[in-house]
mmCIF file of all heavy atoms, coordinates in Angstrom:
data_MODEL
# 
_entry.id   MODEL 
# 
loop_
_atom_site.group_PDB 
_atom_site.id 
_atom_site.type_symbol 
_atom_site.label_atom_id 
_atom_site.label_alt_id 
_atom_site.label_comp_id 
_atom_site.label_asym_id 
_atom_site.label_entity_id 
_atom_site.label_seq_id 
_atom_site.pdbx_PDB_ins_code 
_atom_site.Cartn_x 
_atom_site.Cartn_y 
_atom_site.Cartn_z 
_atom_site.occupancy 
_atom_site.B_iso_or_equiv 
_atom_site.pdbx_formal_charge 
_atom_site.auth_seq_id 
_atom_site.auth_comp_id 
_atom_site.auth_asym_id 
_atom_site.auth_atom_id 
_atom_site.pdbx_PDB_model_num 
ATOM 1   N N   . GLY A 1 1  ? 9.988  3.391  -8.055  1.00 0.00 ? 1  GLY A N   1 
ATOM 2   C CA  . GLY A 1 1  ? 9.078  3.538  -9.190  1.00 0.00 ? 1  GLY A CA  1 
ATOM 3   C C   . GLY A 1 1  ? 9.879  4.008  -10.389 1.00 0.00 ? 1  GLY A C   1 
ATOM 4   O O   . GLY A 1 1  ? 11.015 3.559  -10.592 1.00 0.00 ? 1  GLY A O   1 
ATOM 5   N N   . ASN A 1 2  ? 9.342  4.930  -11.162 1.00 0.00 ? 2  ASN A N   1 
ATOM 6   C CA  . ASN A 1 2  ? 10.056 5.431  -12.330 1.00 0.00 ? 2  ASN A CA  1 
ATOM 7   C C   . ASN A 1 2  ? 10.855 6.681  -11.972 1.00 0.00 ? 2  ASN A C   1 
ATOM 8   O O   . ASN A 1 2  ? 10.293 7.705  -11.598 1.00 0.00 ? 2  ASN A O   1 
ATOM 9   C CB  . ASN A 1 2  ? 9.093  5.730  -13.474 1.00 0.00 ? 2  ASN A CB  1 
ATOM 10  C CG  . ASN A 1 2  ? 9.849  6.000  -14.771 1.00 0.00 ? 2  ASN A CG  1 
ATOM 11  O OD1 . ASN A 1 2  ? 10.373 7.084  -14.972 1.00 0.00 ? 2  ASN A OD1 1 
ATOM 12  N ND2 . ASN A 1 2  ? 9.918  4.998  -15.641 1.00 0.00 ? 2  ASN A ND2 1 
ATOM 13  N N   . THR A 1 3  ? 12.166 6.585  -12.098 1.00 0.00 ? 3  THR A N   1 
ATOM 14  C CA  . THR A 1 3  ? 13.052 7.666  -11.692 1.00 0.00 ? 3  THR A CA  1 
ATOM 15  C C   . THR A 1 3  ? 12.845 8.930  -12.510 1.00 0.00 ? 3  THR A C   1 
ATOM 16  O O   . THR A 1 3  ? 12.925 10.045 -11.995 1.00 0.00 ? 3  THR A O   1 
ATOM 17  C CB  . THR A 1 3  ? 14.523 7.214  -11.808 1.00 0.00 ? 3  THR A CB  1 
ATOM 18  O OG1 . THR A 1 3  ? 14.677 5.951  -11.157 1.00 0.00 ? 3  THR A OG1 1 
ATOM 19  C CG2 . THR A 1 3  ? 15.451 8.209  -11.169 1.00 0.00 ? 3  THR A CG2 1 
ATOM 20  N N   . TRP A 1 4  ? 12.602 8.764  -13.805 1.00 0.00 ? 4  TRP A N   1 
ATOM 21  C CA  . TRP A 1 4  ? 12.416 9.930  -14.678 1.00 0.00 ? 4  TRP A CA  1 
ATOM 22  C C   . TRP A 1 4  ? 11.209 10.756 -14.248 1.00 0.00 ? 4  TRP A C   1 
ATOM 23  O O   . TRP A 1 4  ? 11.269 11.987 -14.166 1.00 0.00 ? 4  TRP A O   1 
ATOM 24  C CB  . TRP A 1 4  ? 12.250 9.489  -16.126 1.00 0.00 ? 4  TRP A CB  1 
ATOM 25  C CG  . TRP A 1 4  ? 13.472 8.861  -16.701 1.00 0.00 ? 4  TRP A CG  1 
ATOM 26  C CD1 . TRP A 1 4  ? 13.829 7.540  -16.614 1.00 0.00 ? 4  TRP A CD1 1 
ATOM 27  C CD2 . TRP A 1 4  ? 14.517 9.501  -17.438 1.00 0.00 ? 4  TRP A CD2 1 
ATOM 28  N NE1 . TRP A 1 4  ? 15.033 7.327  -17.259 1.00 0.00 ? 4  TRP A NE1 1 
ATOM 29  C CE2 . TRP A 1 4  ? 15.466 8.512  -17.778 1.00 0.00 ? 4  TRP A CE2 1 
ATOM 30  C CE3 . TRP A 1 4  ? 14.720 10.810 -17.858 1.00 0.00 ? 4  TRP A CE3 1 
ATOM 31  C CZ2 . TRP A 1 4  ? 16.610 8.796  -18.502 1.00 0.00 ? 4  TRP A CZ2 1 
ATOM 32  C CZ3 . TRP A 1 4  ? 15.869 11.094 -18.595 1.00 0.00 ? 4  TRP A CZ3 1 
ATOM 33  C CH2 . TRP A 1 4  ? 16.797 10.103 -18.899 1.00 0.00 ? 4  TRP A CH2 1 
ATOM 34  N N   . VAL A 1 5  ? 10.096 10.085 -13.981 1.00 0.00 ? 5  VAL A N   1 
ATOM 35  C CA  . VAL A 1 5  ? 8.883  10.785 -13.547 1.00 0.00 ? 5  VAL A CA  1 
ATOM 36  C C   . VAL A 1 5  ? 9.128  11.465 -12.207 1.00 0.00 ? 5  VAL A C   1 
ATOM 37  O O   . VAL A 1 5  ? 8.763  12.636 -12.007 1.00 0.00 ? 5  VAL A O   1 
ATOM 38  C CB  . VAL A 1 5  ? 7.697  9.806  -13.445 1.00 0.00 ? 5  VAL A CB  1 
ATOM 39  C CG1 . VAL A 1 5  ? 6.456  10.524 -12.925 1.00 0.00 ? 5  VAL A CG1 1 
ATOM 40  C CG2 . VAL A 1 5  ? 7.403  9.169  -14.802 1.00 0.00 ? 5  VAL A CG2 1 
ATOM 41  N N   . LEU A 1 6  ? 9.743  10.742 -11.282 1.00 0.00 ? 6  LEU A N   1 
ATOM 42  C CA  . LEU A 1 6  ? 10.032 11.300 -9.959  1.00 0.00 ? 6  LEU A CA  1 
ATOM 43  C C   . LEU A 1 6  ? 10.902 12.542 -10.061 1.00 0.00 ? 6  LEU A C   1 
ATOM 44  O O   . LEU A 1 6  ? 10.584 13.596 -9.502  1.00 0.00 ? 6  LEU A O   1 
ATOM 45  C CB  . LEU A 1 6  ? 10.720 10.228 -9.106  1.00 0.00 ? 6  LEU A CB  1 
ATOM 46  C CG  . LEU A 1 6  ? 11.320 10.686 -7.778  1.00 0.00 ? 6  LEU A CG  1 
ATOM 47  C CD1 . LEU A 1 6  ? 10.240 11.223 -6.859  1.00 0.00 ? 6  LEU A CD1 1 
ATOM 48  C CD2 . LEU A 1 6  ? 12.085 9.542  -7.123  1.00 0.00 ? 6  LEU A CD2 1 
ATOM 49  N N   . ASN A 1 7  ? 12.011 12.437 -10.769 1.00 0.00 ? 7  ASN A N   1 
ATOM 50  C CA  . ASN A 1 7  ? 12.956 13.548 -10.845 1.00 0.00 ? 7  ASN A CA  1 
ATOM 51  C C   . ASN A 1 7  ? 12.344 14.775 -11.517 1.00 0.00 ? 7  ASN A C   1 
ATOM 52  O O   . ASN A 1 7  ? 12.509 15.904 -11.048 1.00 0.00 ? 7  ASN A O   1 
ATOM 53  C CB  . ASN A 1 7  ? 14.209 13.108 -11.600 1.00 0.00 ? 7  ASN A CB  1 
ATOM 54  C CG  . ASN A 1 7  ? 15.384 14.026 -11.354 1.00 0.00 ? 7  ASN A CG  1 
ATOM 55  O OD1 . ASN A 1 7  ? 15.747 14.288 -10.215 1.00 0.00 ? 7  ASN A OD1 1 
ATOM 56  N ND2 . ASN A 1 7  ? 16.000 14.518 -12.421 1.00 0.00 ? 7  ASN A ND2 1 
ATOM 57  N N   . LYS A 1 8  ? 11.622 14.559 -12.612 1.00 0.00 ? 8  LYS A N   1 
ATOM 58  C CA  . LYS A 1 8  ? 10.995 15.689 -13.301 1.00 0.00 ? 8  LYS A CA  1 
ATOM 59  C C   . LYS A 1 8  ? 9.952  16.368 -12.412 1.00 0.00 ? 8  LYS A C   1 
ATOM 60  O O   . LYS A 1 8  ? 9.849  17.602 -12.386 1.00 0.00 ? 8  LYS A O   1 
ATOM 61  C CB  . LYS A 1 8  ? 10.347 15.243 -14.609 1.00 0.00 ? 8  LYS A CB  1 
ATOM 62  C CG  . LYS A 1 8  ? 9.785  16.407 -15.443 1.00 0.00 ? 8  LYS A CG  1 
ATOM 63  C CD  . LYS A 1 8  ? 9.273  15.934 -16.782 1.00 0.00 ? 8  LYS A CD  1 
ATOM 64  C CE  . LYS A 1 8  ? 8.854  17.122 -17.649 1.00 0.00 ? 8  LYS A CE  1 
ATOM 65  N NZ  . LYS A 1 8  ? 7.780  17.926 -17.046 1.00 0.00 ? 8  LYS A NZ  1 
ATOM 66  N N   . THR A 1 9  ? 9.198  15.570 -11.664 1.00 0.00 ? 9  THR A N   1 
ATOM 67  C CA  . THR A 1 9  ? 8.180  16.146 -10.788 1.00 0.00 ? 9  THR A CA  1 
ATOM 68  C C   . THR A 1 9  ? 8.821  16.994 -9.699  1.00 0.00 ? 9  THR A C   1 
ATOM 69  O O   . THR A 1 9  ? 8.327  18.080 -9.364  1.00 0.00 ? 9  THR A O   1 
ATOM 70  C CB  . THR A 1 9  ? 7.323  15.037 -10.157 1.00 0.00 ? 9  THR A CB  1 
ATOM 71  O OG1 . THR A 1 9  ? 6.748  14.235 -11.196 1.00 0.00 ? 9  THR A OG1 1 
ATOM 72  C CG2 . THR A 1 9  ? 6.191  15.632 -9.320  1.00 0.00 ? 9  THR A CG2 1 
ATOM 73  N N   . LEU A 1 10 ? 9.934  16.518 -9.149  1.00 0.00 ? 10 LEU A N   1 
ATOM 74  C CA  . LEU A 1 10 ? 10.631 17.302 -8.126  1.00 0.00 ? 10 LEU A CA  1 
ATOM 75  C C   . LEU A 1 10 ? 11.095 18.644 -8.688  1.00 0.00 ? 10 LEU A C   1 
ATOM 76  O O   . LEU A 1 10 ? 10.989 19.689 -8.032  1.00 0.00 ? 10 LEU A O   1 
ATOM 77  C CB  . LEU A 1 10 ? 11.830 16.520 -7.585  1.00 0.00 ? 10 LEU A CB  1 
ATOM 78  C CG  . LEU A 1 10 ? 11.528 15.241 -6.799  1.00 0.00 ? 10 LEU A CG  1 
ATOM 79  C CD1 . LEU A 1 10 ? 12.830 14.620 -6.307  1.00 0.00 ? 10 LEU A CD1 1 
ATOM 80  C CD2 . LEU A 1 10 ? 10.590 15.510 -5.634  1.00 0.00 ? 10 LEU A CD2 1 
ATOM 81  N N   . HIS A 1 11 ? 11.604 18.635 -9.911  1.00 0.00 ? 11 HIS A N   1 
ATOM 82  C CA  . HIS A 1 11 ? 12.020 19.884 -10.547 1.00 0.00 ? 11 HIS A CA  1 
ATOM 83  C C   . HIS A 1 11 ? 10.817 20.768 -10.849 1.00 0.00 ? 11 HIS A C   1 
ATOM 84  O O   . HIS A 1 11 ? 10.848 21.984 -10.607 1.00 0.00 ? 11 HIS A O   1 
ATOM 85  C CB  . HIS A 1 11 ? 12.806 19.587 -11.828 1.00 0.00 ? 11 HIS A CB  1 
ATOM 86  C CG  . HIS A 1 11 ? 14.230 19.199 -11.584 1.00 0.00 ? 11 HIS A CG  1 
ATOM 87  N ND1 . HIS A 1 11 ? 15.242 20.112 -11.419 1.00 0.00 ? 11 HIS A ND1 1 
ATOM 88  C CD2 . HIS A 1 11 ? 14.818 17.978 -11.463 1.00 0.00 ? 11 HIS A CD2 1 
ATOM 89  C CE1 . HIS A 1 11 ? 16.385 19.491 -11.225 1.00 0.00 ? 11 HIS A CE1 1 
ATOM 90  N NE2 . HIS A 1 11 ? 16.159 18.184 -11.247 1.00 0.00 ? 11 HIS A NE2 1 
ATOM 91  N N   . ASP A 1 12 ? 9.753  20.186 -11.380 1.00 0.00 ? 12 ASP A N   1 
ATOM 92  C CA  . ASP A 1 12 ? 8.562  20.963 -11.730 1.00 0.00 ? 12 ASP A CA  1 
ATOM 93  C C   . ASP A 1 12 ? 7.960  21.668 -10.517 1.00 0.00 ? 12 ASP A C   1 
ATOM 94  O O   . ASP A 1 12 ? 7.437  22.785 -10.623 1.00 0.00 ? 12 ASP A O   1 
ATOM 95  C CB  . ASP A 1 12 ? 7.498  20.061 -12.367 1.00 0.00 ? 12 ASP A CB  1 
ATOM 96  C CG  . ASP A 1 12 ? 7.868  19.596 -13.765 1.00 0.00 ? 12 ASP A CG  1 
ATOM 97  O OD1 . ASP A 1 12 ? 8.826  20.159 -14.347 1.00 0.00 ? 12 ASP A OD1 1 
ATOM 98  O OD2 . ASP A 1 12 ? 7.203  18.674 -14.282 1.00 0.00 ? 12 ASP A OD2 1 
ATOM 99  N N   . LEU A 1 13 ? 8.018  21.010 -9.366  1.00 0.00 ? 13 LEU A N   1 
ATOM 100 C CA  . LEU A 1 13 ? 7.422  21.564 -8.146  1.00 0.00 ? 13 LEU A CA  1 
ATOM 101 C C   . LEU A 1 13 ? 8.406  22.405 -7.334  1.00 0.00 ? 13 LEU A C   1 
ATOM 102 O O   . LEU A 1 13 ? 8.060  22.898 -6.252  1.00 0.00 ? 13 LEU A O   1 
ATOM 103 C CB  . LEU A 1 13 ? 6.866  20.436 -7.273  1.00 0.00 ? 13 LEU A CB  1 
ATOM 104 C CG  . LEU A 1 13 ? 5.726  19.609 -7.870  1.00 0.00 ? 13 LEU A CG  1 
ATOM 105 C CD1 . LEU A 1 13 ? 5.314  18.504 -6.909  1.00 0.00 ? 13 LEU A CD1 1 
ATOM 106 C CD2 . LEU A 1 13 ? 4.531  20.502 -8.188  1.00 0.00 ? 13 LEU A CD2 1 
ATOM 107 N N   . GLY A 1 14 ? 9.608  22.558 -7.829  1.00 0.00 ? 14 GLY A N   1 
ATOM 108 C CA  . GLY A 1 14 ? 10.600 23.365 -7.121  1.00 0.00 ? 14 GLY A CA  1 
ATOM 109 C C   . GLY A 1 14 ? 11.040 22.755 -5.804  1.00 0.00 ? 14 GLY A C   1 
ATOM 110 O O   . GLY A 1 14 ? 11.299 23.480 -4.825  1.00 0.00 ? 14 GLY A O   1 
ATOM 111 N N   . LEU A 1 15 ? 11.178 21.427 -5.784  1.00 0.00 ? 15 LEU A N   1 
ATOM 112 C CA  . LEU A 1 15 ? 11.455 20.729 -4.531  1.00 0.00 ? 15 LEU A CA  1 
ATOM 113 C C   . LEU A 1 15 ? 12.911 20.307 -4.349  1.00 0.00 ? 15 LEU A C   1 
ATOM 114 O O   . LEU A 1 15 ? 13.299 19.910 -3.246  1.00 0.00 ? 15 LEU A O   1 
ATOM 115 C CB  . LEU A 1 15 ? 10.569 19.482 -4.429  1.00 0.00 ? 15 LEU A CB  1 
ATOM 116 C CG  . LEU A 1 15 ? 9.078  19.750 -4.233  1.00 0.00 ? 15 LEU A CG  1 
ATOM 117 C CD1 . LEU A 1 15 ? 8.284  18.462 -4.380  1.00 0.00 ? 15 LEU A CD1 1 
ATOM 118 C CD2 . LEU A 1 15 ? 8.827  20.378 -2.866  1.00 0.00 ? 15 LEU A CD2 1 
ATOM 119 N N   . VAL A 1 16 ? 13.714 20.375 -5.396  1.00 0.00 ? 16 VAL A N   1 
ATOM 120 C CA  . VAL A 1 16 ? 15.104 19.913 -5.286  1.00 0.00 ? 16 VAL A CA  1 
ATOM 121 C C   . VAL A 1 16 ? 15.860 20.722 -4.229  1.00 0.00 ? 16 VAL A C   1 
ATOM 122 O O   . VAL A 1 16 ? 16.506 20.162 -3.338  1.00 0.00 ? 16 VAL A O   1 
ATOM 123 C CB  . VAL A 1 16 ? 15.818 19.983 -6.648  1.00 0.00 ? 16 VAL A CB  1 
ATOM 124 C CG1 . VAL A 1 16 ? 17.312 19.710 -6.486  1.00 0.00 ? 16 VAL A CG1 1 
ATOM 125 C CG2 . VAL A 1 16 ? 15.201 18.970 -7.612  1.00 0.00 ? 16 VAL A CG2 1 
ATOM 126 N N   . GLY A 1 17 ? 15.792 22.027 -4.317  1.00 0.00 ? 17 GLY A N   1 
ATOM 127 C CA  . GLY A 1 17 ? 16.476 22.892 -3.350  1.00 0.00 ? 17 GLY A CA  1 
ATOM 128 C C   . GLY A 1 17 ? 15.994 22.677 -1.922  1.00 0.00 ? 17 GLY A C   1 
ATOM 129 O O   . GLY A 1 17 ? 16.806 22.497 -1.007  1.00 0.00 ? 17 GLY A O   1 
ATOM 130 N N   . PRO A 1 18 ? 14.673 22.712 -1.687  1.00 0.00 ? 18 PRO A N   1 
ATOM 131 C CA  . PRO A 1 18 ? 14.167 22.497 -0.328  1.00 0.00 ? 18 PRO A CA  1 
ATOM 132 C C   . PRO A 1 18 ? 14.545 21.138 0.261   1.00 0.00 ? 18 PRO A C   1 
ATOM 133 O O   . PRO A 1 18 ? 14.842 21.053 1.462   1.00 0.00 ? 18 PRO A O   1 
ATOM 134 C CB  . PRO A 1 18 ? 12.645 22.612 -0.508  1.00 0.00 ? 18 PRO A CB  1 
ATOM 135 C CG  . PRO A 1 18 ? 12.486 23.547 -1.654  1.00 0.00 ? 18 PRO A CG  1 
ATOM 136 C CD  . PRO A 1 18 ? 13.609 23.190 -2.587  1.00 0.00 ? 18 PRO A CD  1 
ATOM 137 N N   . ILE A 1 19 ? 14.545 20.076 -0.558  1.00 0.00 ? 19 ILE A N   1 
ATOM 138 C CA  . ILE A 1 19 ? 14.926 18.764 -0.037  1.00 0.00 ? 19 ILE A CA  1 
ATOM 139 C C   . ILE A 1 19 ? 16.404 18.759 0.337   1.00 0.00 ? 19 ILE A C   1 
ATOM 140 O O   . ILE A 1 19 ? 16.800 18.259 1.403   1.00 0.00 ? 19 ILE A O   1 
ATOM 141 C CB  . ILE A 1 19 ? 14.621 17.653 -1.056  1.00 0.00 ? 19 ILE A CB  1 
ATOM 142 C CG1 . ILE A 1 19 ? 13.101 17.512 -1.256  1.00 0.00 ? 19 ILE A CG1 1 
ATOM 143 C CG2 . ILE A 1 19 ? 15.213 16.318 -0.595  1.00 0.00 ? 19 ILE A CG2 1 
ATOM 144 C CD1 . ILE A 1 19 ? 12.711 16.565 -2.372  1.00 0.00 ? 19 ILE A CD1 1 
ATOM 145 N N   . ARG A 1 20 ? 17.257 19.296 -0.537  1.00 0.00 ? 20 ARG A N   1 
ATOM 146 C CA  . ARG A 1 20 ? 18.683 19.366 -0.233  1.00 0.00 ? 20 ARG A CA  1 
ATOM 147 C C   . ARG A 1 20 ? 18.928 20.149 1.058   1.00 0.00 ? 20 ARG A C   1 
ATOM 148 O O   . ARG A 1 20 ? 19.730 19.727 1.911   1.00 0.00 ? 20 ARG A O   1 
ATOM 149 C CB  . ARG A 1 20 ? 19.448 20.031 -1.381  1.00 0.00 ? 20 ARG A CB  1 
ATOM 150 C CG  . ARG A 1 20 ? 19.733 19.124 -2.556  1.00 0.00 ? 20 ARG A CG  1 
ATOM 151 C CD  . ARG A 1 20 ? 20.504 19.864 -3.654  1.00 0.00 ? 20 ARG A CD  1 
ATOM 152 N NE  . ARG A 1 20 ? 21.669 20.580 -3.157  1.00 0.00 ? 20 ARG A NE  1 
ATOM 153 C CZ  . ARG A 1 20 ? 22.844 20.012 -2.893  1.00 0.00 ? 20 ARG A CZ  1 
ATOM 154 N NH1 . ARG A 1 20 ? 22.995 18.711 -3.068  1.00 0.00 ? 20 ARG A NH1 1 
ATOM 155 N NH2 . ARG A 1 20 ? 23.852 20.737 -2.459  1.00 0.00 ? 20 ARG A NH2 1 
ATOM 156 N N   . LYS A 1 21 ? 18.259 21.260 1.210   1.00 0.00 ? 21 LYS A N   1 
ATOM 157 C CA  . LYS A 1 21 ? 18.436 22.085 2.411   1.00 0.00 ? 21 LYS A CA  1 
ATOM 158 C C   . LYS A 1 21 ? 17.994 21.332 3.652   1.00 0.00 ? 21 LYS A C   1 
ATOM 159 O O   . LYS A 1 21 ? 18.672 21.345 4.689   1.00 0.00 ? 21 LYS A O   1 
ATOM 160 C CB  . LYS A 1 21 ? 17.651 23.388 2.281   1.00 0.00 ? 21 LYS A CB  1 
ATOM 161 C CG  . LYS A 1 21 ? 17.838 24.331 3.467   1.00 0.00 ? 21 LYS A CG  1 
ATOM 162 C CD  . LYS A 1 21 ? 17.124 25.653 3.254   1.00 0.00 ? 21 LYS A CD  1 
ATOM 163 C CE  . LYS A 1 21 ? 17.353 26.578 4.455   1.00 0.00 ? 21 LYS A CE  1 
ATOM 164 N NZ  . LYS A 1 21 ? 16.664 27.887 4.261   1.00 0.00 ? 21 LYS A NZ  1 
ATOM 165 N N   . ALA A 1 22 ? 16.842 20.652 3.556   1.00 0.00 ? 22 ALA A N   1 
ATOM 166 C CA  . ALA A 1 22 ? 16.328 19.908 4.708   1.00 0.00 ? 22 ALA A CA  1 
ATOM 167 C C   . ALA A 1 22 ? 17.289 18.810 5.133   1.00 0.00 ? 22 ALA A C   1 
ATOM 168 O O   . ALA A 1 22 ? 17.593 18.650 6.321   1.00 0.00 ? 22 ALA A O   1 
ATOM 169 C CB  . ALA A 1 22 ? 14.955 19.322 4.373   1.00 0.00 ? 22 ALA A CB  1 
ATOM 170 N N   . VAL A 1 23 ? 17.793 18.047 4.138   1.00 0.00 ? 23 VAL A N   1 
ATOM 171 C CA  . VAL A 1 23 ? 18.630 16.886 4.444   1.00 0.00 ? 23 VAL A CA  1 
ATOM 172 C C   . VAL A 1 23 ? 20.050 17.286 4.815   1.00 0.00 ? 23 VAL A C   1 
ATOM 173 O O   . VAL A 1 23 ? 20.617 16.796 5.805   1.00 0.00 ? 23 VAL A O   1 
ATOM 174 C CB  . VAL A 1 23 ? 18.644 15.907 3.255   1.00 0.00 ? 23 VAL A CB  1 
ATOM 175 C CG1 . VAL A 1 23 ? 19.591 14.743 3.515   1.00 0.00 ? 23 VAL A CG1 1 
ATOM 176 C CG2 . VAL A 1 23 ? 17.239 15.394 2.978   1.00 0.00 ? 23 VAL A CG2 1 
ATOM 177 N N   . LEU A 1 24 ? 20.648 18.163 4.039   1.00 0.00 ? 24 LEU A N   1 
ATOM 178 C CA  . LEU A 1 24 ? 22.056 18.496 4.229   1.00 0.00 ? 24 LEU A CA  1 
ATOM 179 C C   . LEU A 1 24 ? 22.288 19.564 5.283   1.00 0.00 ? 24 LEU A C   1 
ATOM 180 O O   . LEU A 1 24 ? 23.292 19.531 6.004   1.00 0.00 ? 24 LEU A O   1 
ATOM 181 C CB  . LEU A 1 24 ? 22.667 18.939 2.900   1.00 0.00 ? 24 LEU A CB  1 
ATOM 182 C CG  . LEU A 1 24 ? 22.655 17.900 1.774   1.00 0.00 ? 24 LEU A CG  1 
ATOM 183 C CD1 . LEU A 1 24 ? 23.254 18.486 0.501   1.00 0.00 ? 24 LEU A CD1 1 
ATOM 184 C CD2 . LEU A 1 24 ? 23.397 16.633 2.187   1.00 0.00 ? 24 LEU A CD2 1 
ATOM 185 N N   . ASP A 1 25 ? 21.384 20.529 5.386   1.00 0.00 ? 25 ASP A N   1 
ATOM 186 C CA  . ASP A 1 25 ? 21.588 21.645 6.315   1.00 0.00 ? 25 ASP A CA  1 
ATOM 187 C C   . ASP A 1 25 ? 20.842 21.471 7.632   1.00 0.00 ? 25 ASP A C   1 
ATOM 188 O O   . ASP A 1 25 ? 21.368 21.789 8.688   1.00 0.00 ? 25 ASP A O   1 
ATOM 189 C CB  . ASP A 1 25 ? 21.163 22.971 5.658   1.00 0.00 ? 25 ASP A CB  1 
ATOM 190 C CG  . ASP A 1 25 ? 21.996 23.320 4.443   1.00 0.00 ? 25 ASP A CG  1 
ATOM 191 O OD1 . ASP A 1 25 ? 23.102 22.770 4.305   1.00 0.00 ? 25 ASP A OD1 1 
ATOM 192 O OD2 . ASP A 1 25 ? 21.545 24.146 3.625   1.00 0.00 ? 25 ASP A OD2 1 
ATOM 193 N N   . GLN A 1 26 ? 19.608 20.958 7.548   1.00 0.00 ? 26 GLN A N   1 
ATOM 194 C CA  . GLN A 1 26 ? 18.792 20.837 8.746   1.00 0.00 ? 26 GLN A CA  1 
ATOM 195 C C   . GLN A 1 26 ? 18.891 19.455 9.393   1.00 0.00 ? 26 GLN A C   1 
ATOM 196 O O   . GLN A 1 26 ? 18.415 19.256 10.509  1.00 0.00 ? 26 GLN A O   1 
ATOM 197 C CB  . GLN A 1 26 ? 17.320 21.139 8.415   1.00 0.00 ? 26 GLN A CB  1 
ATOM 198 C CG  . GLN A 1 26 ? 17.100 22.561 7.910   1.00 0.00 ? 26 GLN A CG  1 
ATOM 199 C CD  . GLN A 1 26 ? 15.715 22.765 7.316   1.00 0.00 ? 26 GLN A CD  1 
ATOM 200 O OE1 . GLN A 1 26 ? 15.493 23.663 6.503   1.00 0.00 ? 26 GLN A OE1 1 
ATOM 201 N NE2 . GLN A 1 26 ? 14.772 21.929 7.711   1.00 0.00 ? 26 GLN A NE2 1 
ATOM 202 N N   . GLY A 1 27 ? 19.515 18.502 8.687   1.00 0.00 ? 27 GLY A N   1 
ATOM 203 C CA  . GLY A 1 27 ? 19.676 17.175 9.251   1.00 0.00 ? 27 GLY A CA  1 
ATOM 204 C C   . GLY A 1 27 ? 18.426 16.319 9.241   1.00 0.00 ? 27 GLY A C   1 
ATOM 205 O O   . GLY A 1 27 ? 18.325 15.344 9.988   1.00 0.00 ? 27 GLY A O   1 
ATOM 206 N N   . THR A 1 28 ? 17.459 16.657 8.393   1.00 0.00 ? 28 THR A N   1 
ATOM 207 C CA  . THR A 1 28 ? 16.236 15.854 8.285   1.00 0.00 ? 28 THR A CA  1 
ATOM 208 C C   . THR A 1 28 ? 16.593 14.471 7.748   1.00 0.00 ? 28 THR A C   1 
ATOM 209 O O   . THR A 1 28 ? 17.222 14.367 6.694   1.00 0.00 ? 28 THR A O   1 
ATOM 210 C CB  . THR A 1 28 ? 15.222 16.523 7.344   1.00 0.00 ? 28 THR A CB  1 
ATOM 211 O OG1 . THR A 1 28 ? 14.956 17.854 7.800   1.00 0.00 ? 28 THR A OG1 1 
ATOM 212 C CG2 . THR A 1 28 ? 13.917 15.736 7.304   1.00 0.00 ? 28 THR A CG2 1 
ATOM 213 N N   . PRO A 1 29 ? 16.220 13.399 8.454   1.00 0.00 ? 29 PRO A N   1 
ATOM 214 C CA  . PRO A 1 29 ? 16.556 12.054 7.961   1.00 0.00 ? 29 PRO A CA  1 
ATOM 215 C C   . PRO A 1 29 ? 15.887 11.758 6.632   1.00 0.00 ? 29 PRO A C   1 
ATOM 216 O O   . PRO A 1 29 ? 14.749 12.190 6.385   1.00 0.00 ? 29 PRO A O   1 
ATOM 217 C CB  . PRO A 1 29 ? 16.040 11.132 9.072   1.00 0.00 ? 29 PRO A CB  1 
ATOM 218 C CG  . PRO A 1 29 ? 15.048 11.934 9.835   1.00 0.00 ? 29 PRO A CG  1 
ATOM 219 C CD  . PRO A 1 29 ? 15.497 13.355 9.735   1.00 0.00 ? 29 PRO A CD  1 
ATOM 220 N N   . TYR A 1 30 ? 16.580 11.017 5.789   1.00 0.00 ? 30 TYR A N   1 
ATOM 221 C CA  . TYR A 1 30 ? 16.127 10.690 4.440   1.00 0.00 ? 30 TYR A CA  1 
ATOM 222 C C   . TYR A 1 30 ? 16.234 9.192  4.239   1.00 0.00 ? 30 TYR A C   1 
ATOM 223 O O   . TYR A 1 30 ? 17.272 8.599  4.537   1.00 0.00 ? 30 TYR A O   1 
ATOM 224 C CB  . TYR A 1 30 ? 16.990 11.432 3.420   1.00 0.00 ? 30 TYR A CB  1 
ATOM 225 C CG  . TYR A 1 30 ? 16.673 11.171 1.955   1.00 0.00 ? 30 TYR A CG  1 
ATOM 226 C CD1 . TYR A 1 30 ? 15.965 12.109 1.212   1.00 0.00 ? 30 TYR A CD1 1 
ATOM 227 C CD2 . TYR A 1 30 ? 17.119 10.015 1.308   1.00 0.00 ? 30 TYR A CD2 1 
ATOM 228 C CE1 . TYR A 1 30 ? 15.706 11.900 -0.138  1.00 0.00 ? 30 TYR A CE1 1 
ATOM 229 C CE2 . TYR A 1 30 ? 16.847 9.793  -0.038  1.00 0.00 ? 30 TYR A CE2 1 
ATOM 230 C CZ  . TYR A 1 30 ? 16.149 10.745 -0.755  1.00 0.00 ? 30 TYR A CZ  1 
ATOM 231 O OH  . TYR A 1 30 ? 15.889 10.523 -2.087  1.00 0.00 ? 30 TYR A OH  1 
# 
């Protein structure tokens, strides 16, 4: 979809850190 909307929403909701932790540290498939 639209990358700008997606990226801003992730930042607004405080999701960047949790997603990185899930994928990189916990091994959650992406």
